[in-house]
Amino acid sequence: MHKIDRLMGTILLLQSKKTISAHEIADYFDVSVRTIYRDIQTLDEAGVPIVSNSGEGYSLIEGYHLPPLMFTTEEASALFLGGEFAMKATDPSLHKPIISAHAKIRSVLPEETKDYIEKIRTATHLAIGIGVDRKYDNKVHSDVQEGIANNKVLQIEYYTQSRDILSKRYIEPSGIVYYGGAWHLIAYCQTRKDFRDFRMDRIKTLLLTGHSFKPREKFIPSRYVKELQNLDRLNSTEVKLLVRKDTADEVRIRFRYGYFRDEEMKDGFVFTYLVPNTELLKYWVISYGDRIKILEPKSLQDEIFERAKAICELYKSND
């Protein structure tokens, strides 16, 4: 990376955070801290109003901003694809801001980049299976975000599927995580006196109470997902399926229960599931006939084999 690009990037980093340390900047650009010290001095000499906060890092004087920067074609297309995904993955409360942001970005793009983006947009379809049969309250996402950002208690009515009940809860929102084909709100439940994982499509009503709370601990979404995956491995059976390539997209959309990952192989896709029991998975696999093969565990292979034999015998008896 050229020095001028790194200097511009450093200003953008300073604009994006209240305070950032030299070590964070160095890690971002993969250079030494010594190099960043020299860059900061260069920017200071050029008149950029950088403030050094002892023990914390650097910040810009409030009110200083670079003029709008032009996006490269790759940057603009990445932003538009990200917006398309967000439109599919969130409730209507965020759709208008996404469309507005797209319009603002598009307004500063040169004509050739606009044409490029439009071709990519019309040639792209996200069949990601998010939101299928899931009805969100129109403002769940935006109200949850406001609760997290401003430390506001939320009052929710939550549907617990396993017990088929609707209950009122007062919760302190900590973070949002997407896994298993759904958005999850991680929050401290004042009713249960502990942290809970709420699937957002099961929140039937949500109200910002106006009451503030003091965060109990720093929530890191990536750490939560990693711990969740480790817990799943401890308490679940790992099932590997070989799925035909022409069936893989259908499987991704229709069977999210226990989904962990999938990877493409020469003769199909290997799907990995972590499930507390294999009963539901067993009947689902049978329904796909020869389009899905169980690779492991061996015990599930044997169960499917015996079930297939029983089906064959059932139809033999009609001869």
C-alpha atoms as a PDB file:
ATOM      1  CA  MET A   1       0.000   0.000   0.000  1.00  0.00           C
ATOM      2  CA  HIS A   2       1.259   3.475  -0.904  1.00  0.00           C
ATOM      3  CA  LYS A   3       1.882   5.896   1.949  1.00  0.00           C
ATOM      4  CA  ILE A   4      -0.726   8.386   0.682  1.00  0.00           C
ATOM      5  CA  ASP A   5      -3.384   5.616   0.702  1.00  0.00           C
ATOM      6  CA  ARG A   6      -2.405   4.687   4.261  1.00  0.00           C
ATOM      7  CA  LEU A   7      -2.576   8.340   5.370  1.00  0.00           C
ATOM      8  CA  MET A   8      -6.068   8.742   3.891  1.00  0.00           C
ATOM      9  CA  GLY A   9      -7.090   5.457   5.465  1.00  0.00           C
ATOM     10  CA  THR A  10      -5.785   6.598   8.840  1.00  0.00           C
ATOM     11  CA  ILE A  11      -7.962   9.727   8.695  1.00  0.00           C
ATOM     12  CA  LEU A  12     -10.991   7.548   7.877  1.00  0.00           C
ATOM     13  CA  LEU A  13     -10.211   5.306  10.861  1.00  0.00           C
ATOM     14  CA  LEU A  14      -9.934   8.366  13.098  1.00  0.00           C
ATOM     15  CA  GLN A  15     -13.291   9.609  11.773  1.00  0.00           C
ATOM     16  CA  SER A  16     -14.951   6.248  12.410  1.00  0.00           C
ATOM     17  CA  LYS A  17     -14.042   6.008  16.123  1.00  0.00           C
ATOM     18  CA  LYS A  18     -13.922   8.375  19.080  1.00  0.00           C
ATOM     19  CA  THR A  19     -10.422   7.172  19.976  1.00  0.00           C
ATOM     20  CA  ILE A  20      -8.094   4.653  18.338  1.00  0.00           C
ATOM     21  CA  SER A  21      -4.658   3.512  19.448  1.00  0.00           C
ATOM     22  CA  ALA A  22      -1.511   3.384  17.333  1.00  0.00           C
ATOM     23  CA  HIS A  23      -1.444  -0.396  17.798  1.00  0.00           C
ATOM     24  CA  GLU A  24      -4.975  -0.727  16.346  1.00  0.00           C
ATOM     25  CA  ILE A  25      -4.020   1.401  13.331  1.00  0.00           C
ATOM     26  CA  ALA A  26      -0.809  -0.597  12.849  1.00  0.00           C
ATOM     27  CA  ASP A  27      -2.721  -3.896  12.975  1.00  0.00           C
ATOM     28  CA  TYR A  28      -5.269  -2.596  10.456  1.00  0.00           C
ATOM     29  CA  PHE A  29      -2.593  -1.668   7.903  1.00  0.00           C
ATOM     30  CA  ASP A  30      -0.207  -4.488   8.876  1.00  0.00           C
ATOM     31  CA  VAL A  31       2.703  -2.112   9.527  1.00  0.00           C
ATOM     32  CA  SER A  32       4.796  -1.302  12.581  1.00  0.00           C
ATOM     33  CA  VAL A  33       3.656   1.040  15.345  1.00  0.00           C
ATOM     34  CA  ARG A  34       6.747   3.131  14.588  1.00  0.00           C
ATOM     35  CA  THR A  35       5.433   3.675  11.039  1.00  0.00           C
ATOM     36  CA  ILE A  36       2.091   4.867  12.434  1.00  0.00           C
ATOM     37  CA  TYR A  37       3.843   7.355  14.722  1.00  0.00           C
ATOM     38  CA  ARG A  38       5.563   8.814  11.644  1.00  0.00           C
ATOM     39  CA  ASP A  39       2.249   8.900   9.743  1.00  0.00           C
ATOM     40  CA  ILE A  40       0.538  10.753  12.596  1.00  0.00           C
ATOM     41  CA  GLN A  41       3.353  13.302  12.612  1.00  0.00           C
ATOM     42  CA  THR A  42       2.999  13.739   8.825  1.00  0.00           C
ATOM     43  CA  LEU A  43      -0.755  14.327   9.130  1.00  0.00           C
ATOM     44  CA  ASP A  44      -0.223  16.773  11.989  1.00  0.00           C
ATOM     45  CA  GLU A  45       2.289  18.739   9.926  1.00  0.00           C
ATOM     46  CA  ALA A  46      -0.218  18.784   7.036  1.00  0.00           C
ATOM     47  CA  GLY A  47      -2.785  20.486   9.267  1.00  0.00           C
ATOM     48  CA  VAL A  48      -5.014  17.567  10.200  1.00  0.00           C
ATOM     49  CA  PRO A  49      -6.224  18.372  13.766  1.00  0.00           C
ATOM     50  CA  ILE A  50      -5.269  15.169  15.593  1.00  0.00           C
ATOM     51  CA  VAL A  51      -5.460  15.033  19.378  1.00  0.00           C
ATOM     52  CA  SER A  52      -3.274  12.642  21.380  1.00  0.00           C
ATOM     53  CA  ASN A  53      -5.119  11.293  24.413  1.00  0.00           C
ATOM     54  CA  SER A  54      -2.626   9.971  26.954  1.00  0.00           C
ATOM     55  CA  GLY A  55      -3.085   6.254  27.586  1.00  0.00           C
ATOM     56  CA  GLU A  56      -5.971   5.985  25.100  1.00  0.00           C
ATOM     57  CA  GLY A  57      -4.782   6.856  21.613  1.00  0.00           C
ATOM     58  CA  TYR A  58      -5.641   9.404  18.949  1.00  0.00           C
ATOM     59  CA  SER A  59      -8.786  11.263  17.940  1.00  0.00           C
ATOM     60  CA  LEU A  60      -9.820  14.055  15.599  1.00  0.00           C
ATOM     61  CA  ILE A  61     -11.030  17.423  16.848  1.00  0.00           C
ATOM     62  CA  GLU A  62     -14.837  17.345  16.764  1.00  0.00           C
ATOM     63  CA  GLY A  63     -16.283  18.716  13.538  1.00  0.00           C
ATOM     64  CA  TYR A  64     -13.363  17.799  11.267  1.00  0.00           C
ATOM     65  CA  HIS A  65     -14.287  15.664   8.263  1.00  0.00           C
ATOM     66  CA  LEU A  66     -12.771  14.795   4.938  1.00  0.00           C
ATOM     67  CA  PRO A  67     -14.837  15.750   1.891  1.00  0.00           C
ATOM     68  CA  PRO A  68     -16.779  12.809   0.380  1.00  0.00           C
ATOM     69  CA  LEU A  69     -14.504  10.162  -1.103  1.00  0.00           C
ATOM     70  CA  MET A  70     -15.154   8.386  -4.395  1.00  0.00           C
ATOM     71  CA  PHE A  71     -15.836   4.660  -4.200  1.00  0.00           C
ATOM     72  CA  THR A  72     -14.028   2.217  -6.453  1.00  0.00           C
ATOM     73  CA  THR A  73     -16.237  -0.064  -8.551  1.00  0.00           C
ATOM     74  CA  GLU A  74     -15.423  -2.986  -6.253  1.00  0.00           C
ATOM     75  CA  GLU A  75     -16.225  -0.997  -3.087  1.00  0.00           C
ATOM     76  CA  ALA A  76     -19.531   0.250  -4.486  1.00  0.00           C
ATOM     77  CA  SER A  77     -20.655  -3.210  -5.669  1.00  0.00           C
ATOM     78  CA  ALA A  78     -19.720  -4.702  -2.280  1.00  0.00           C
ATOM     79  CA  LEU A  79     -21.849  -2.074  -0.498  1.00  0.00           C
ATOM     80  CA  PHE A  80     -24.832  -2.694  -2.761  1.00  0.00           C
ATOM     81  CA  LEU A  81     -24.611  -6.481  -2.373  1.00  0.00           C
ATOM     82  CA  GLY A  82     -24.359  -6.037   1.393  1.00  0.00           C
ATOM     83  CA  GLY A  83     -27.451  -3.856   1.291  1.00  0.00           C
ATOM     84  CA  GLU A  84     -29.354  -6.446  -0.747  1.00  0.00           C
ATOM     85  CA  PHE A  85     -28.481  -9.081   1.872  1.00  0.00           C
ATOM     86  CA  ALA A  86     -29.581  -6.788   4.693  1.00  0.00           C
ATOM     87  CA  MET A  87     -32.917  -6.176   2.918  1.00  0.00           C
ATOM     88  CA  LYS A  88     -33.521  -9.942   2.872  1.00  0.00           C
ATOM     89  CA  ALA A  89     -32.277 -10.548   6.398  1.00  0.00           C
ATOM     90  CA  THR A  90     -34.018  -7.818   8.405  1.00  0.00           C
ATOM     91  CA  ASP A  91     -37.511  -6.489   9.075  1.00  0.00           C
ATOM     92  CA  PRO A  92     -39.089  -3.491   7.236  1.00  0.00           C
ATOM     93  CA  SER A  93     -37.859  -0.965   9.837  1.00  0.00           C
ATOM     94  CA  LEU A  94     -34.404  -1.066   8.224  1.00  0.00           C
ATOM     95  CA  HIS A  95     -35.497  -1.258   4.576  1.00  0.00           C
ATOM     96  CA  LYS A  96     -36.088   2.476   4.130  1.00  0.00           C
ATOM     97  CA  PRO A  97     -32.672   3.482   5.626  1.00  0.00           C
ATOM     98  CA  ILE A  98     -30.953   0.911   3.379  1.00  0.00           C
ATOM     99  CA  ILE A  99     -32.694   2.257   0.263  1.00  0.00           C
ATOM    100  CA  SER A 100     -31.861   5.829   1.321  1.00  0.00           C
ATOM    101  CA  ALA A 101     -28.193   4.945   1.880  1.00  0.00           C
ATOM    102  CA  HIS A 102     -28.042   3.261  -1.531  1.00  0.00           C
ATOM    103  CA  ALA A 103     -29.472   6.384  -3.155  1.00  0.00           C
ATOM    104  CA  LYS A 104     -26.872   8.617  -1.471  1.00  0.00           C
ATOM    105  CA  ILE A 105     -24.033   6.329  -2.535  1.00  0.00           C
ATOM    106  CA  ARG A 106     -25.387   6.103  -6.074  1.00  0.00           C
ATOM    107  CA  SER A 107     -25.592   9.914  -6.301  1.00  0.00           C
ATOM    108  CA  VAL A 108     -21.814  10.313  -6.014  1.00  0.00           C
ATOM    109  CA  LEU A 109     -20.876   7.509  -8.419  1.00  0.00           C
ATOM    110  CA  PRO A 110     -19.717   8.187 -11.981  1.00  0.00           C
ATOM    111  CA  GLU A 111     -22.041   6.970 -14.748  1.00  0.00           C
ATOM    112  CA  GLU A 112     -19.858   3.984 -15.718  1.00  0.00           C
ATOM    113  CA  THR A 113     -19.883   2.731 -12.098  1.00  0.00           C
ATOM    114  CA  LYS A 114     -23.662   3.189 -11.882  1.00  0.00           C
ATOM    115  CA  ASP A 115     -24.047   1.057 -15.020  1.00  0.00           C
ATOM    116  CA  TYR A 116     -21.744  -1.586 -13.552  1.00  0.00           C
ATOM    117  CA  ILE A 117     -23.736  -1.688 -10.289  1.00  0.00           C
ATOM    118  CA  GLU A 118     -27.056  -1.942 -12.132  1.00  0.00           C
ATOM    119  CA  LYS A 119     -25.817  -4.893 -14.202  1.00  0.00           C
ATOM    120  CA  ILE A 120     -24.603  -6.654 -11.051  1.00  0.00           C
ATOM    121  CA  ARG A 121     -27.888  -5.907  -9.256  1.00  0.00           C
ATOM    122  CA  THR A 122     -30.106  -7.275 -12.023  1.00  0.00           C
ATOM    123  CA  ALA A 123     -27.883 -10.346 -12.419  1.00  0.00           C
ATOM    124  CA  THR A 124     -27.902 -11.215  -8.705  1.00  0.00           C
ATOM    125  CA  HIS A 125     -30.572 -12.958  -6.662  1.00  0.00           C
ATOM    126  CA  LEU A 126     -30.191 -13.852  -2.988  1.00  0.00           C
ATOM    127  CA  ALA A 127     -32.180 -17.014  -2.284  1.00  0.00           C
ATOM    128  CA  ILE A 128     -30.855 -17.188   1.266  1.00  0.00           C
ATOM    129  CA  GLY A 129     -33.953 -18.593   2.927  1.00  0.00           C
ATOM    130  CA  ILE A 130     -34.036 -15.866   5.562  1.00  0.00           C
ATOM    131  CA  GLY A 131     -37.460 -14.765   6.618  1.00  0.00           C
ATOM    132  CA  VAL A 132     -39.251 -17.777   5.107  1.00  0.00           C
ATOM    133  CA  ASP A 133     -42.488 -18.162   7.095  1.00  0.00           C
ATOM    134  CA  ARG A 134     -41.108 -15.729   9.709  1.00  0.00           C
ATOM    135  CA  LYS A 135     -43.248 -12.691  10.385  1.00  0.00           C
ATOM    136  CA  TYR A 136     -41.408  -9.909  12.188  1.00  0.00           C
ATOM    137  CA  ASP A 137     -43.021  -6.964  13.878  1.00  0.00           C
ATOM    138  CA  ASN A 138     -42.187  -4.055  11.583  1.00  0.00           C
ATOM    139  CA  LYS A 139     -39.955  -2.293  14.127  1.00  0.00           C
ATOM    140  CA  VAL A 140     -38.223  -5.118  15.982  1.00  0.00           C
ATOM    141  CA  HIS A 141     -34.767  -4.572  14.476  1.00  0.00           C
ATOM    142  CA  SER A 142     -34.708  -0.781  14.764  1.00  0.00           C
ATOM    143  CA  ASP A 143     -36.078  -0.752  18.331  1.00  0.00           C
ATOM    144  CA  VAL A 144     -33.627  -3.452  19.429  1.00  0.00           C
ATOM    145  CA  GLN A 145     -30.755  -1.448  17.950  1.00  0.00           C
ATOM    146  CA  GLU A 146     -31.916   1.671  19.800  1.00  0.00           C
ATOM    147  CA  GLY A 147     -32.137  -0.328  23.035  1.00  0.00           C
ATOM    148  CA  ILE A 148     -28.588  -1.618  22.614  1.00  0.00           C
ATOM    149  CA  ALA A 149     -27.094   1.734  21.603  1.00  0.00           C
ATOM    150  CA  ASN A 150     -28.773   3.714  24.405  1.00  0.00           C
ATOM    151  CA  ASN A 151     -28.919   1.041  27.153  1.00  0.00           C
ATOM    152  CA  LYS A 152     -32.728   1.088  27.306  1.00  0.00           C
ATOM    153  CA  VAL A 153     -34.825  -1.681  28.867  1.00  0.00           C
ATOM    154  CA  LEU A 154     -37.195  -3.414  26.434  1.00  0.00           C
ATOM    155  CA  GLN A 155     -40.579  -4.881  27.259  1.00  0.00           C
ATOM    156  CA  ILE A 156     -41.373  -7.834  25.013  1.00  0.00           C
ATOM    157  CA  GLU A 157     -43.999 -10.498  24.563  1.00  0.00           C
ATOM    158  CA  TYR A 158     -42.108 -13.646  23.637  1.00  0.00           C
ATOM    159  CA  TYR A 159     -43.420 -16.902  22.204  1.00  0.00           C
ATOM    160  CA  THR A 160     -41.746 -20.029  23.636  1.00  0.00           C
ATOM    161  CA  GLN A 161     -42.332 -22.682  20.997  1.00  0.00           C
ATOM    162  CA  SER A 162     -41.399 -25.701  23.115  1.00  0.00           C
ATOM    163  CA  ARG A 163     -44.113 -24.857  25.684  1.00  0.00           C
ATOM    164  CA  ASP A 164     -46.487 -23.058  23.305  1.00  0.00           C
ATOM    165  CA  ILE A 165     -46.842 -20.030  25.599  1.00  0.00           C
ATOM    166  CA  LEU A 166     -46.611 -16.251  25.260  1.00  0.00           C
ATOM    167  CA  SER A 167     -44.911 -14.443  28.153  1.00  0.00           C
ATOM    168  CA  LYS A 168     -44.109 -10.820  29.010  1.00  0.00           C
ATOM    169  CA  ARG A 169     -40.447 -10.090  29.751  1.00  0.00           C
ATOM    170  CA  TYR A 170     -38.377  -7.039  30.695  1.00  0.00           C
ATOM    171  CA  ILE A 171     -34.939  -7.389  29.146  1.00  0.00           C
ATOM    172  CA  GLU A 172     -31.635  -5.513  28.905  1.00  0.00           C
ATOM    173  CA  PRO A 173     -30.419  -5.967  25.297  1.00  0.00           C
ATOM    174  CA  SER A 174     -26.724  -6.773  24.842  1.00  0.00           C
ATOM    175  CA  GLY A 175     -26.248  -7.836  21.230  1.00  0.00           C
ATOM    176  CA  ILE A 176     -27.649  -9.352  18.047  1.00  0.00           C
ATOM    177  CA  VAL A 177     -26.342 -12.568  16.482  1.00  0.00           C
ATOM    178  CA  TYR A 178     -27.349 -14.302  13.266  1.00  0.00           C
ATOM    179  CA  TYR A 179     -27.025 -18.096  13.322  1.00  0.00           C
ATOM    180  CA  GLY A 180     -29.064 -21.171  12.469  1.00  0.00           C
ATOM    181  CA  GLY A 181     -31.063 -19.280   9.849  1.00  0.00           C
ATOM    182  CA  ALA A 182     -32.472 -16.668  12.261  1.00  0.00           C
ATOM    183  CA  TRP A 183     -31.608 -13.463  14.140  1.00  0.00           C
ATOM    184  CA  HIS A 184     -31.167 -13.824  17.901  1.00  0.00           C
ATOM    185  CA  LEU A 185     -31.263 -11.097  20.552  1.00  0.00           C
ATOM    186  CA  ILE A 186     -28.965 -11.793  23.500  1.00  0.00           C
ATOM    187  CA  ALA A 187     -30.245  -9.981  26.577  1.00  0.00           C
ATOM    188  CA  TYR A 188     -30.335 -10.076  30.370  1.00  0.00           C
ATOM    189  CA  CYS A 189     -33.856 -11.088  31.373  1.00  0.00           C
ATOM    190  CA  GLN A 190     -34.997  -9.257  34.498  1.00  0.00           C
ATOM    191  CA  THR A 191     -37.719 -11.879  34.932  1.00  0.00           C
ATOM    192  CA  ARG A 192     -35.395 -14.916  34.824  1.00  0.00           C
ATOM    193  CA  LYS A 193     -32.417 -13.086  36.423  1.00  0.00           C
ATOM    194  CA  ASP A 194     -30.012 -14.362  33.793  1.00  0.00           C
ATOM    195  CA  PHE A 195     -28.887 -13.875  30.197  1.00  0.00           C
ATOM    196  CA  ARG A 196     -31.191 -15.392  27.589  1.00  0.00           C
ATOM    197  CA  ASP A 197     -31.159 -15.984  23.832  1.00  0.00           C
ATOM    198  CA  PHE A 198     -34.375 -14.697  22.183  1.00  0.00           C
ATOM    199  CA  ARG A 199     -35.140 -15.563  18.568  1.00  0.00           C
ATOM    200  CA  MET A 200     -36.288 -12.270  17.100  1.00  0.00           C
ATOM    201  CA  ASP A 201     -39.027 -13.727  14.902  1.00  0.00           C
ATOM    202  CA  ARG A 202     -40.673 -15.033  18.101  1.00  0.00           C
ATOM    203  CA  ILE A 203     -40.874 -11.556  19.655  1.00  0.00           C
ATOM    204  CA  LYS A 204     -44.541 -10.744  19.121  1.00  0.00           C
ATOM    205  CA  THR A 205     -44.532  -7.213  20.578  1.00  0.00           C
ATOM    206  CA  LEU A 206     -41.702  -4.910  21.666  1.00  0.00           C
ATOM    207  CA  LEU A 207     -41.768  -1.638  23.573  1.00  0.00           C
ATOM    208  CA  LEU A 208     -38.931   0.758  24.464  1.00  0.00           C
ATOM    209  CA  THR A 209     -39.685   1.460  28.126  1.00  0.00           C
ATOM    210  CA  GLY A 210     -37.506   4.557  28.491  1.00  0.00           C
ATOM    211  CA  HIS A 211     -35.832   3.053  31.568  1.00  0.00           C
ATOM    212  CA  SER A 212     -32.044   2.893  31.424  1.00  0.00           C
ATOM    213  CA  PHE A 213     -29.794   0.072  32.623  1.00  0.00           C
ATOM    214  CA  LYS A 214     -26.108  -0.266  33.371  1.00  0.00           C
ATOM    215  CA  PRO A 215     -24.457  -2.908  31.124  1.00  0.00           C
ATOM    216  CA  ARG A 216     -23.595  -5.998  33.157  1.00  0.00           C
ATOM    217  CA  GLU A 217     -20.715  -7.175  30.989  1.00  0.00           C
ATOM    218  CA  LYS A 218     -19.224  -6.481  27.571  1.00  0.00           C
ATOM    219  CA  PHE A 219     -20.962  -8.629  24.969  1.00  0.00           C
ATOM    220  CA  ILE A 220     -18.836  -9.849  22.042  1.00  0.00           C
ATOM    221  CA  PRO A 221     -21.026 -11.513  19.368  1.00  0.00           C
ATOM    222  CA  SER A 222     -18.215 -13.531  17.731  1.00  0.00           C
ATOM    223  CA  ARG A 223     -17.185 -14.970  21.117  1.00  0.00           C
ATOM    224  CA  TYR A 224     -20.808 -15.893  21.898  1.00  0.00           C
ATOM    225  CA  VAL A 225     -21.164 -17.809  18.606  1.00  0.00           C
ATOM    226  CA  LYS A 226     -17.865 -19.615  19.188  1.00  0.00           C
ATOM    227  CA  GLU A 227     -18.947 -20.652  22.702  1.00  0.00           C
ATOM    228  CA  LEU A 228     -22.330 -21.710  21.327  1.00  0.00           C
ATOM    229  CA  GLN A 229     -20.683 -23.881  18.693  1.00  0.00           C
ATOM    230  CA  ASN A 230     -18.421 -25.478  21.316  1.00  0.00           C
ATOM    231  CA  LEU A 231     -21.460 -26.165  23.515  1.00  0.00           C
ATOM    232  CA  ASP A 232     -23.331 -27.648  20.565  1.00  0.00           C
ATOM    233  CA  ARG A 233     -20.424 -30.002  19.916  1.00  0.00           C
ATOM    234  CA  LEU A 234     -20.425 -31.158  23.532  1.00  0.00           C
ATOM    235  CA  ASN A 235     -24.167 -31.782  23.751  1.00  0.00           C
ATOM    236  CA  SER A 236     -24.999 -32.834  20.194  1.00  0.00           C
ATOM    237  CA  THR A 237     -24.444 -35.571  17.666  1.00  0.00           C
ATOM    238  CA  GLU A 238     -22.427 -34.535  14.626  1.00  0.00           C
ATOM    239  CA  VAL A 239     -24.037 -35.696  11.401  1.00  0.00           C
ATOM    240  CA  LYS A 240     -22.367 -35.422   7.990  1.00  0.00           C
ATOM    241  CA  LEU A 241     -24.434 -35.701   4.820  1.00  0.00           C
ATOM    242  CA  LEU A 242     -23.340 -35.897   1.185  1.00  0.00           C
ATOM    243  CA  VAL A 243     -25.881 -33.859  -0.787  1.00  0.00           C
ATOM    244  CA  ARG A 244     -26.139 -33.814  -4.573  1.00  0.00           C
ATOM    245  CA  LYS A 245     -25.165 -30.476  -6.121  1.00  0.00           C
ATOM    246  CA  ASP A 246     -28.597 -29.973  -7.662  1.00  0.00           C
ATOM    247  CA  THR A 247     -30.176 -30.374  -4.210  1.00  0.00           C
ATOM    248  CA  ALA A 248     -27.780 -28.291  -2.072  1.00  0.00           C
ATOM    249  CA  ASP A 249     -29.624 -24.943  -2.352  1.00  0.00           C
ATOM    250  CA  GLU A 250     -32.931 -26.570  -1.425  1.00  0.00           C
ATOM    251  CA  VAL A 251     -31.340 -28.179   1.647  1.00  0.00           C
ATOM    252  CA  ARG A 252     -29.816 -24.852   2.776  1.00  0.00           C
ATOM    253  CA  ILE A 253     -33.229 -23.189   2.655  1.00  0.00           C
ATOM    254  CA  ARG A 254     -35.479 -25.976   3.941  1.00  0.00           C
ATOM    255  CA  PHE A 255     -33.483 -27.663   6.671  1.00  0.00           C
ATOM    256  CA  ARG A 256     -31.794 -25.213   9.051  1.00  0.00           C
ATOM    257  CA  TYR A 257     -32.274 -27.299  12.211  1.00  0.00           C
ATOM    258  CA  GLY A 258     -28.802 -27.925  13.657  1.00  0.00           C
ATOM    259  CA  TYR A 259     -27.038 -26.596  10.539  1.00  0.00           C
ATOM    260  CA  PHE A 260     -23.340 -25.944  11.178  1.00  0.00           C
ATOM    261  CA  ARG A 261     -21.620 -25.618   7.800  1.00  0.00           C
ATOM    262  CA  ASP A 262     -21.311 -27.050   4.286  1.00  0.00           C
ATOM    263  CA  GLU A 263     -18.432 -27.367   1.862  1.00  0.00           C
ATOM    264  CA  GLU A 264     -18.267 -28.266  -1.811  1.00  0.00           C
ATOM    265  CA  MET A 265     -16.619 -31.570  -2.802  1.00  0.00           C
ATOM    266  CA  LYS A 266     -16.069 -33.247  -6.152  1.00  0.00           C
ATOM    267  CA  ASP A 267     -19.252 -35.346  -5.987  1.00  0.00           C
ATOM    268  CA  GLY A 268     -21.520 -32.936  -4.088  1.00  0.00           C
ATOM    269  CA  PHE A 269     -21.701 -30.855  -0.904  1.00  0.00           C
ATOM    270  CA  VAL A 270     -20.867 -32.205   2.552  1.00  0.00           C
ATOM    271  CA  PHE A 271     -23.305 -30.724   5.095  1.00  0.00           C
ATOM    272  CA  THR A 272     -22.503 -30.863   8.806  1.00  0.00           C
ATOM    273  CA  TYR A 273     -25.286 -30.732  11.401  1.00  0.00           C
ATOM    274  CA  LEU A 274     -25.101 -30.676  15.202  1.00  0.00           C
ATOM    275  CA  VAL A 275     -28.339 -32.059  16.635  1.00  0.00           C
ATOM    276  CA  PRO A 276     -29.406 -33.180  20.137  1.00  0.00           C
ATOM    277  CA  ASN A 277     -31.073 -36.232  18.592  1.00  0.00           C
ATOM    278  CA  THR A 278     -31.229 -37.614  15.062  1.00  0.00           C
ATOM    279  CA  GLU A 279     -34.898 -38.615  14.911  1.00  0.00           C
ATOM    280  CA  LEU A 280     -36.151 -35.623  12.890  1.00  0.00           C
ATOM    281  CA  LEU A 281     -33.064 -35.651  10.679  1.00  0.00           C
ATOM    282  CA  LYS A 282     -33.538 -39.342   9.933  1.00  0.00           C
ATOM    283  CA  TYR A 283     -37.030 -38.980   8.493  1.00  0.00           C
ATOM    284  CA  TRP A 284     -36.043 -35.849   6.597  1.00  0.00           C
ATOM    285  CA  VAL A 285     -33.092 -37.617   4.922  1.00  0.00           C
ATOM    286  CA  ILE A 286     -35.317 -40.568   3.913  1.00  0.00           C
ATOM    287  CA  SER A 287     -37.684 -38.162   2.153  1.00  0.00           C
ATOM    288  CA  TYR A 288     -34.871 -37.147  -0.226  1.00  0.00           C
ATOM    289  CA  GLY A 289     -34.217 -40.696  -1.435  1.00  0.00           C
ATOM    290  CA  ASP A 290     -30.936 -41.084  -3.335  1.00  0.00           C
ATOM    291  CA  ARG A 291     -30.200 -37.334  -3.355  1.00  0.00           C
ATOM    292  CA  ILE A 292     -28.724 -37.401   0.165  1.00  0.00           C
ATOM    293  CA  LYS A 293     -26.328 -39.950   1.644  1.00  0.00           C
ATOM    294  CA  ILE A 294     -25.357 -40.178   5.315  1.00  0.00           C
ATOM    295  CA  LEU A 295     -21.578 -40.230   5.741  1.00  0.00           C
ATOM    296  CA  GLU A 296     -21.538 -40.401   9.543  1.00  0.00           C
ATOM    297  CA  PRO A 297     -22.312 -41.502  12.191  1.00  0.00           C
ATOM    298  CA  LYS A 298     -22.390 -45.199  11.339  1.00  0.00           C
ATOM    299  CA  SER A 299     -25.297 -45.742  13.738  1.00  0.00           C
ATOM    300  CA  LEU A 300     -27.498 -43.408  11.671  1.00  0.00           C
ATOM    301  CA  GLN A 301     -26.465 -45.184   8.463  1.00  0.00           C
ATOM    302  CA  ASP A 302     -27.617 -48.451  10.019  1.00  0.00           C
ATOM    303  CA  GLU A 303     -30.943 -46.940  11.097  1.00  0.00           C
ATOM    304  CA  ILE A 304     -31.620 -45.620   7.597  1.00  0.00           C
ATOM    305  CA  PHE A 305     -30.672 -48.993   6.098  1.00  0.00           C
ATOM    306  CA  GLU A 306     -33.107 -50.843   8.368  1.00  0.00           C
ATOM    307  CA  ARG A 307     -35.836 -48.288   7.650  1.00  0.00           C
ATOM    308  CA  ALA A 308     -35.274 -48.657   3.896  1.00  0.00           C
ATOM    309  CA  LYS A 309     -35.459 -52.450   4.239  1.00  0.00           C
ATOM    310  CA  ALA A 310     -38.755 -52.148   6.097  1.00  0.00           C
ATOM    311  CA  ILE A 311     -40.156 -49.937   3.329  1.00  0.00           C
ATOM    312  CA  CYS A 312     -39.051 -52.448   0.687  1.00  0.00           C
ATOM    313  CA  GLU A 313     -40.700 -55.292   2.607  1.00  0.00           C
ATOM    314  CA  LEU A 314     -43.887 -53.262   2.879  1.00  0.00           C
ATOM    315  CA  TYR A 315     -44.180 -52.975  -0.876  1.00  0.00           C
ATOM    316  CA  LYS A 316     -42.988 -56.540  -1.499  1.00  0.00           C
ATOM    317  CA  SER A 317     -45.993 -57.828   0.394  1.00  0.00           C
ATOM    318  CA  ASN A 318     -48.222 -56.351  -2.327  1.00  0.00           C
ATOM    319  CA  ASP A 319     -46.755 -58.673  -5.001  1.00  0.00           C
END
